[in-house]
Amino acid sequence: MPLLQIHFSDKEITSSIKEEIHQSGAKILSKEIGKSIDFVMVILHNGCSLSFAQDSQTPCAYLEVKNVGKLPGEKTQRLSNKLTSLICDKLRVRPEHIYIEFQESERHLWGWNGATFEK
C-alpha cells in the first residue's frame, strides 16, 4: 500500500545505489507508516528534467509518498526527515533542493491483486 516515488535530476546512478535506495526507502516507509514491507513499492525515476529555483544544473529531487489511510503530522515529519537524509546521503542532493508530497488515499481508491483494499 505505501508507495515511495522518487524523481531525480541526474542521469547516472550506479545499480548498487539504486538498490540501496529501494531497500532503505522500503524499510523507512514500512517502519514509519507501520505497514508490512511486503506491500511497500519504491519507484526511482532518474534523469528527470527537473529544476529548482530556475536552476536545472544543480541536482534536485521530488518525492511522493502515498498511503492507504491517514498520515498524521508526526509521521510525515519523521518521514520527511528520514527520506531527506536518504536522498542527501545516496544521491548527493542538498536538503533545500528536495520536495516531498504526502498523499492519503481511501481504501476503495487503491487497487491490488484484482480488487481494492476496501473490505
N, C-alpha and C. Protein backbone atom coordinates (compact mmCIF):
# COMPACT_ATOMS: atom_id res chain seq x y z
N MET A 1 0.82 -1.19 0.00
CA MET A 1 0.00 0.00 0.00
C MET A 1 0.86 1.26 0.00
N PRO A 2 1.85 1.35 0.87
CA PRO A 2 2.66 2.56 0.79
C PRO A 2 3.50 2.57 -0.48
N LEU A 3 3.59 3.73 -1.06
CA LEU A 3 4.36 3.92 -2.28
C LEU A 3 5.30 5.10 -2.10
N LEU A 4 6.55 4.89 -2.45
CA LEU A 4 7.55 5.97 -2.49
C LEU A 4 7.98 6.10 -3.94
N GLN A 5 7.76 7.27 -4.50
CA GLN A 5 8.17 7.55 -5.87
C GLN A 5 9.18 8.69 -5.81
N ILE A 6 10.34 8.46 -6.41
CA ILE A 6 11.43 9.44 -6.38
C ILE A 6 11.75 9.88 -7.79
N HIS A 7 11.70 11.18 -8.02
CA HIS A 7 12.09 11.77 -9.29
C HIS A 7 13.40 12.52 -9.03
N PHE A 8 14.44 12.16 -9.78
CA PHE A 8 15.78 12.68 -9.54
C PHE A 8 16.36 13.21 -10.84
N SER A 9 17.05 14.33 -10.77
CA SER A 9 17.50 15.01 -11.97
C SER A 9 18.72 14.37 -12.64
N ASP A 10 19.63 13.78 -11.91
CA ASP A 10 20.83 13.21 -12.53
C ASP A 10 20.53 11.91 -13.26
N LYS A 11 21.21 11.71 -14.38
CA LYS A 11 21.02 10.50 -15.18
C LYS A 11 21.79 9.31 -14.63
N GLU A 12 22.97 9.58 -14.11
CA GLU A 12 23.87 8.49 -13.71
C GLU A 12 23.69 8.11 -12.24
N ILE A 13 23.25 6.89 -12.02
CA ILE A 13 23.17 6.30 -10.68
C ILE A 13 23.63 4.85 -10.83
N THR A 14 24.54 4.44 -9.99
CA THR A 14 25.01 3.06 -10.06
C THR A 14 23.89 2.11 -9.64
N SER A 15 23.99 0.89 -10.10
CA SER A 15 22.97 -0.10 -9.74
C SER A 15 23.00 -0.38 -8.23
N SER A 16 24.16 -0.30 -7.60
CA SER A 16 24.22 -0.55 -6.16
C SER A 16 23.55 0.58 -5.38
N ILE A 17 23.68 1.82 -5.83
CA ILE A 17 23.00 2.95 -5.17
C ILE A 17 21.49 2.81 -5.37
N LYS A 18 21.07 2.44 -6.57
CA LYS A 18 19.64 2.22 -6.82
C LYS A 18 19.08 1.18 -5.86
N GLU A 19 19.80 0.08 -5.71
CA GLU A 19 19.33 -0.99 -4.83
C GLU A 19 19.28 -0.52 -3.37
N GLU A 20 20.26 0.25 -2.94
CA GLU A 20 20.26 0.78 -1.58
C GLU A 20 19.06 1.70 -1.35
N ILE A 21 18.73 2.51 -2.34
CA ILE A 21 17.57 3.41 -2.23
C ILE A 21 16.29 2.60 -2.16
N HIS A 22 16.16 1.59 -3.01
CA HIS A 22 14.96 0.73 -2.98
C HIS A 22 14.82 0.05 -1.62
N GLN A 23 15.89 -0.54 -1.12
CA GLN A 23 15.84 -1.26 0.15
C GLN A 23 15.59 -0.32 1.32
N SER A 24 16.37 0.76 1.40
CA SER A 24 16.24 1.69 2.53
C SER A 24 14.92 2.44 2.49
N GLY A 25 14.49 2.85 1.30
CA GLY A 25 13.21 3.54 1.18
C GLY A 25 12.05 2.68 1.64
N ALA A 26 12.07 1.40 1.26
CA ALA A 26 11.01 0.47 1.68
C ALA A 26 11.01 0.28 3.19
N LYS A 27 12.18 0.15 3.78
CA LYS A 27 12.28 -0.02 5.23
C LYS A 27 11.78 1.21 5.97
N ILE A 28 12.13 2.39 5.47
CA ILE A 28 11.68 3.63 6.11
C ILE A 28 10.15 3.71 6.08
N LEU A 29 9.54 3.49 4.91
CA LEU A 29 8.08 3.56 4.82
C LEU A 29 7.42 2.52 5.71
N SER A 30 7.90 1.29 5.67
CA SER A 30 7.31 0.23 6.46
C SER A 30 7.35 0.57 7.95
N LYS A 31 8.50 1.00 8.42
CA LYS A 31 8.64 1.30 9.85
C LYS A 31 7.81 2.50 10.27
N GLU A 32 7.91 3.59 9.53
CA GLU A 32 7.27 4.84 9.94
C GLU A 32 5.75 4.82 9.75
N ILE A 33 5.28 4.13 8.71
CA ILE A 33 3.84 4.07 8.48
C ILE A 33 3.21 2.91 9.25
N GLY A 34 4.04 1.90 9.57
CA GLY A 34 3.55 0.78 10.35
C GLY A 34 2.84 -0.28 9.53
N LYS A 35 3.30 -0.46 8.29
CA LYS A 35 2.70 -1.49 7.43
C LYS A 35 3.78 -2.45 6.98
N SER A 36 3.35 -3.64 6.61
CA SER A 36 4.28 -4.68 6.19
C SER A 36 5.11 -4.24 5.00
N ILE A 37 6.40 -4.55 5.07
CA ILE A 37 7.30 -4.23 3.96
C ILE A 37 6.89 -4.99 2.69
N ASP A 38 6.12 -6.07 2.86
CA ASP A 38 5.67 -6.87 1.72
C ASP A 38 4.74 -6.09 0.79
N PHE A 39 4.20 -4.97 1.27
CA PHE A 39 3.28 -4.18 0.46
C PHE A 39 3.86 -2.84 0.03
N VAL A 40 5.12 -2.56 0.34
CA VAL A 40 5.75 -1.28 0.01
C VAL A 40 6.32 -1.34 -1.41
N MET A 41 6.02 -0.30 -2.19
CA MET A 41 6.59 -0.18 -3.53
C MET A 41 7.45 1.08 -3.57
N VAL A 42 8.62 0.96 -4.22
CA VAL A 42 9.52 2.09 -4.41
C VAL A 42 9.80 2.22 -5.90
N ILE A 43 9.61 3.41 -6.42
CA ILE A 43 9.87 3.71 -7.83
C ILE A 43 10.92 4.81 -7.87
N LEU A 44 11.97 4.59 -8.65
CA LEU A 44 13.02 5.59 -8.80
C LEU A 44 13.14 5.98 -10.26
N HIS A 45 12.84 7.24 -10.53
CA HIS A 45 12.99 7.79 -11.89
C HIS A 45 14.21 8.71 -11.87
N ASN A 46 15.28 8.31 -12.49
CA ASN A 46 16.42 9.22 -12.58
C ASN A 46 16.51 9.78 -13.99
N GLY A 47 17.26 10.86 -14.13
CA GLY A 47 17.38 11.52 -15.42
C GLY A 47 16.16 12.35 -15.77
N CYS A 48 15.39 12.75 -14.77
CA CYS A 48 14.20 13.58 -15.00
C CYS A 48 14.60 15.01 -15.29
N SER A 49 13.81 15.68 -16.08
CA SER A 49 14.04 17.09 -16.34
C SER A 49 13.42 17.89 -15.20
N LEU A 50 14.24 18.21 -14.20
CA LEU A 50 13.79 18.93 -13.01
C LEU A 50 14.63 20.20 -12.84
N SER A 51 14.00 21.20 -12.29
CA SER A 51 14.74 22.40 -11.89
C SER A 51 14.20 22.85 -10.55
N PHE A 52 15.04 23.55 -9.81
CA PHE A 52 14.64 24.10 -8.52
C PHE A 52 15.15 25.53 -8.49
N ALA A 53 14.25 26.48 -8.25
CA ALA A 53 14.61 27.91 -8.24
C ALA A 53 15.26 28.32 -9.56
N GLN A 54 14.70 27.83 -10.64
CA GLN A 54 15.16 28.11 -12.01
C GLN A 54 16.57 27.61 -12.28
N ASP A 55 17.04 26.66 -11.49
CA ASP A 55 18.38 26.08 -11.66
C ASP A 55 18.21 24.62 -12.05
N SER A 56 18.52 24.31 -13.29
CA SER A 56 18.40 22.93 -13.76
C SER A 56 19.75 22.21 -13.76
N GLN A 57 20.80 22.86 -13.27
CA GLN A 57 22.13 22.26 -13.25
C GLN A 57 22.46 21.59 -11.91
N THR A 58 21.89 22.10 -10.83
CA THR A 58 22.14 21.55 -9.50
C THR A 58 21.18 20.38 -9.26
N PRO A 59 21.68 19.24 -8.78
CA PRO A 59 20.81 18.09 -8.53
C PRO A 59 19.65 18.45 -7.59
N CYS A 60 18.47 17.94 -7.93
CA CYS A 60 17.29 18.13 -7.09
C CYS A 60 16.42 16.88 -7.19
N ALA A 61 15.48 16.79 -6.26
CA ALA A 61 14.62 15.61 -6.22
C ALA A 61 13.22 15.99 -5.76
N TYR A 62 12.25 15.28 -6.30
CA TYR A 62 10.86 15.40 -5.89
C TYR A 62 10.39 14.01 -5.51
N LEU A 63 9.87 13.86 -4.28
CA LEU A 63 9.42 12.58 -3.78
C LEU A 63 7.92 12.62 -3.53
N GLU A 64 7.27 11.49 -3.78
CA GLU A 64 5.86 11.32 -3.47
C GLU A 64 5.72 10.13 -2.54
N VAL A 65 5.00 10.32 -1.45
CA VAL A 65 4.68 9.24 -0.54
C VAL A 65 3.16 9.11 -0.54
N LYS A 66 2.68 7.94 -0.94
CA LYS A 66 1.24 7.69 -0.99
C LYS A 66 0.93 6.53 -0.05
N ASN A 67 -0.22 6.62 0.60
CA ASN A 67 -0.59 5.62 1.58
C ASN A 67 -2.10 5.44 1.63
N VAL A 68 -2.52 4.21 1.82
CA VAL A 68 -3.92 3.94 2.12
C VAL A 68 -4.09 4.20 3.60
N GLY A 69 -4.88 5.20 3.93
CA GLY A 69 -5.07 5.56 5.33
C GLY A 69 -4.42 6.89 5.66
N LYS A 70 -4.48 7.23 6.91
CA LYS A 70 -4.05 8.54 7.39
C LYS A 70 -2.53 8.64 7.52
N LEU A 71 -2.03 9.84 7.30
CA LEU A 71 -0.63 10.18 7.53
C LEU A 71 -0.60 11.41 8.43
N PRO A 72 -0.67 11.20 9.74
CA PRO A 72 -0.68 12.34 10.65
C PRO A 72 0.65 13.10 10.62
N GLY A 73 0.60 14.32 11.12
CA GLY A 73 1.75 15.22 11.08
C GLY A 73 3.03 14.65 11.66
N GLU A 74 2.93 13.92 12.76
CA GLU A 74 4.15 13.37 13.36
C GLU A 74 4.80 12.32 12.45
N LYS A 75 3.97 11.58 11.70
CA LYS A 75 4.53 10.59 10.77
C LYS A 75 5.15 11.27 9.56
N THR A 76 4.47 12.28 9.01
CA THR A 76 5.04 12.95 7.84
C THR A 76 6.32 13.69 8.21
N GLN A 77 6.40 14.22 9.42
CA GLN A 77 7.63 14.89 9.87
C GLN A 77 8.79 13.90 9.93
N ARG A 78 8.55 12.73 10.54
CA ARG A 78 9.61 11.71 10.62
C ARG A 78 9.98 11.19 9.23
N LEU A 79 8.97 10.96 8.40
CA LEU A 79 9.25 10.50 7.03
C LEU A 79 10.05 11.54 6.26
N SER A 80 9.68 12.79 6.39
CA SER A 80 10.40 13.86 5.70
C SER A 80 11.87 13.87 6.12
N ASN A 81 12.11 13.76 7.41
CA ASN A 81 13.47 13.78 7.93
C ASN A 81 14.27 12.59 7.42
N LYS A 82 13.71 11.39 7.52
CA LYS A 82 14.45 10.18 7.14
C LYS A 82 14.64 10.06 5.63
N LEU A 83 13.61 10.42 4.86
CA LEU A 83 13.73 10.34 3.40
C LEU A 83 14.70 11.40 2.88
N THR A 84 14.67 12.58 3.46
CA THR A 84 15.62 13.62 3.06
C THR A 84 17.04 13.15 3.34
N SER A 85 17.27 12.57 4.50
CA SER A 85 18.61 12.04 4.83
C SER A 85 19.05 10.98 3.82
N LEU A 86 18.13 10.09 3.45
CA LEU A 86 18.44 9.05 2.46
C LEU A 86 18.86 9.67 1.13
N ILE A 87 18.08 10.62 0.64
CA ILE A 87 18.37 11.23 -0.66
C ILE A 87 19.65 12.06 -0.61
N CYS A 88 19.87 12.77 0.47
CA CYS A 88 21.12 13.53 0.63
C CYS A 88 22.32 12.60 0.62
N ASP A 89 22.23 11.51 1.37
CA ASP A 89 23.34 10.58 1.51
C ASP A 89 23.61 9.82 0.21
N LYS A 90 22.59 9.25 -0.39
CA LYS A 90 22.78 8.37 -1.54
C LYS A 90 22.86 9.10 -2.88
N LEU A 91 22.12 10.20 -3.02
CA LEU A 91 22.07 10.89 -4.32
C LEU A 91 22.78 12.25 -4.30
N ARG A 92 23.28 12.63 -3.14
CA ARG A 92 24.04 13.87 -3.00
C ARG A 92 23.23 15.11 -3.39
N VAL A 93 21.98 15.12 -2.99
CA VAL A 93 21.12 16.28 -3.21
C VAL A 93 21.08 17.06 -1.91
N ARG A 94 21.23 18.37 -2.00
CA ARG A 94 21.14 19.20 -0.80
C ARG A 94 19.69 19.19 -0.30
N PRO A 95 19.49 19.21 1.02
CA PRO A 95 18.13 19.12 1.56
C PRO A 95 17.21 20.24 1.08
N GLU A 96 17.76 21.40 0.83
CA GLU A 96 16.92 22.51 0.36
C GLU A 96 16.53 22.38 -1.11
N HIS A 97 16.97 21.31 -1.75
CA HIS A 97 16.58 21.03 -3.14
C HIS A 97 15.73 19.77 -3.25
N ILE A 98 15.02 19.46 -2.17
CA ILE A 98 14.15 18.28 -2.14
C ILE A 98 12.75 18.71 -1.69
N TYR A 99 11.76 18.33 -2.48
CA TYR A 99 10.36 18.46 -2.07
C TYR A 99 9.79 17.06 -1.86
N ILE A 100 8.92 16.94 -0.88
CA ILE A 100 8.23 15.67 -0.63
C ILE A 100 6.74 15.96 -0.51
N GLU A 101 5.95 15.25 -1.30
CA GLU A 101 4.50 15.37 -1.24
C GLU A 101 3.93 14.11 -0.60
N PHE A 102 3.04 14.29 0.37
CA PHE A 102 2.39 13.18 1.06
C PHE A 102 0.93 13.14 0.64
N GLN A 103 0.44 11.93 0.33
CA GLN A 103 -0.95 11.76 -0.07
C GLN A 103 -1.59 10.61 0.70
N GLU A 104 -2.79 10.85 1.19
CA GLU A 104 -3.60 9.82 1.84
C GLU A 104 -4.67 9.37 0.85
N SER A 105 -4.92 8.08 0.83
CA SER A 105 -5.97 7.54 -0.04
C SER A 105 -6.95 6.72 0.78
N GLU A 106 -8.19 6.77 0.39
CA GLU A 106 -9.18 5.89 1.00
C GLU A 106 -9.00 4.48 0.42
N ARG A 107 -9.40 3.49 1.18
CA ARG A 107 -9.17 2.09 0.82
C ARG A 107 -9.75 1.71 -0.55
N HIS A 108 -10.89 2.29 -0.90
CA HIS A 108 -11.53 1.92 -2.18
C HIS A 108 -10.83 2.59 -3.38
N LEU A 109 -9.87 3.48 -3.13
CA LEU A 109 -9.16 4.16 -4.20
C LEU A 109 -7.77 3.58 -4.47
N TRP A 110 -7.50 2.40 -3.91
CA TRP A 110 -6.19 1.77 -4.08
C TRP A 110 -6.42 0.32 -4.47
N GLY A 111 -5.97 -0.07 -5.66
CA GLY A 111 -6.18 -1.43 -6.15
C GLY A 111 -4.97 -2.30 -5.97
N TRP A 112 -5.22 -3.59 -5.76
CA TRP A 112 -4.16 -4.59 -5.66
C TRP A 112 -4.78 -5.97 -5.86
N ASN A 113 -4.10 -6.78 -6.60
CA ASN A 113 -4.48 -8.18 -6.77
C ASN A 113 -5.91 -8.34 -7.34
N GLY A 114 -6.27 -7.43 -8.25
CA GLY A 114 -7.56 -7.52 -8.91
C GLY A 114 -8.73 -6.97 -8.12
N ALA A 115 -8.46 -6.33 -7.00
CA ALA A 115 -9.53 -5.76 -6.17
C ALA A 115 -9.01 -4.47 -5.54
N THR A 116 -9.75 -3.94 -4.59
CA THR A 116 -9.29 -2.80 -3.82
C THR A 116 -9.10 -3.24 -2.36
N PHE A 117 -8.58 -2.34 -1.55
CA PHE A 117 -8.37 -2.67 -0.14
C PHE A 117 -9.61 -2.45 0.70
N GLU A 118 -10.70 -2.06 0.06
CA GLU A 118 -11.96 -1.90 0.78
C GLU A 118 -12.50 -3.27 1.16
N LYS A 119 -12.96 -3.38 2.37
CA LYS A 119 -13.47 -4.69 2.83
C LYS A 119 -14.94 -4.80 2.60
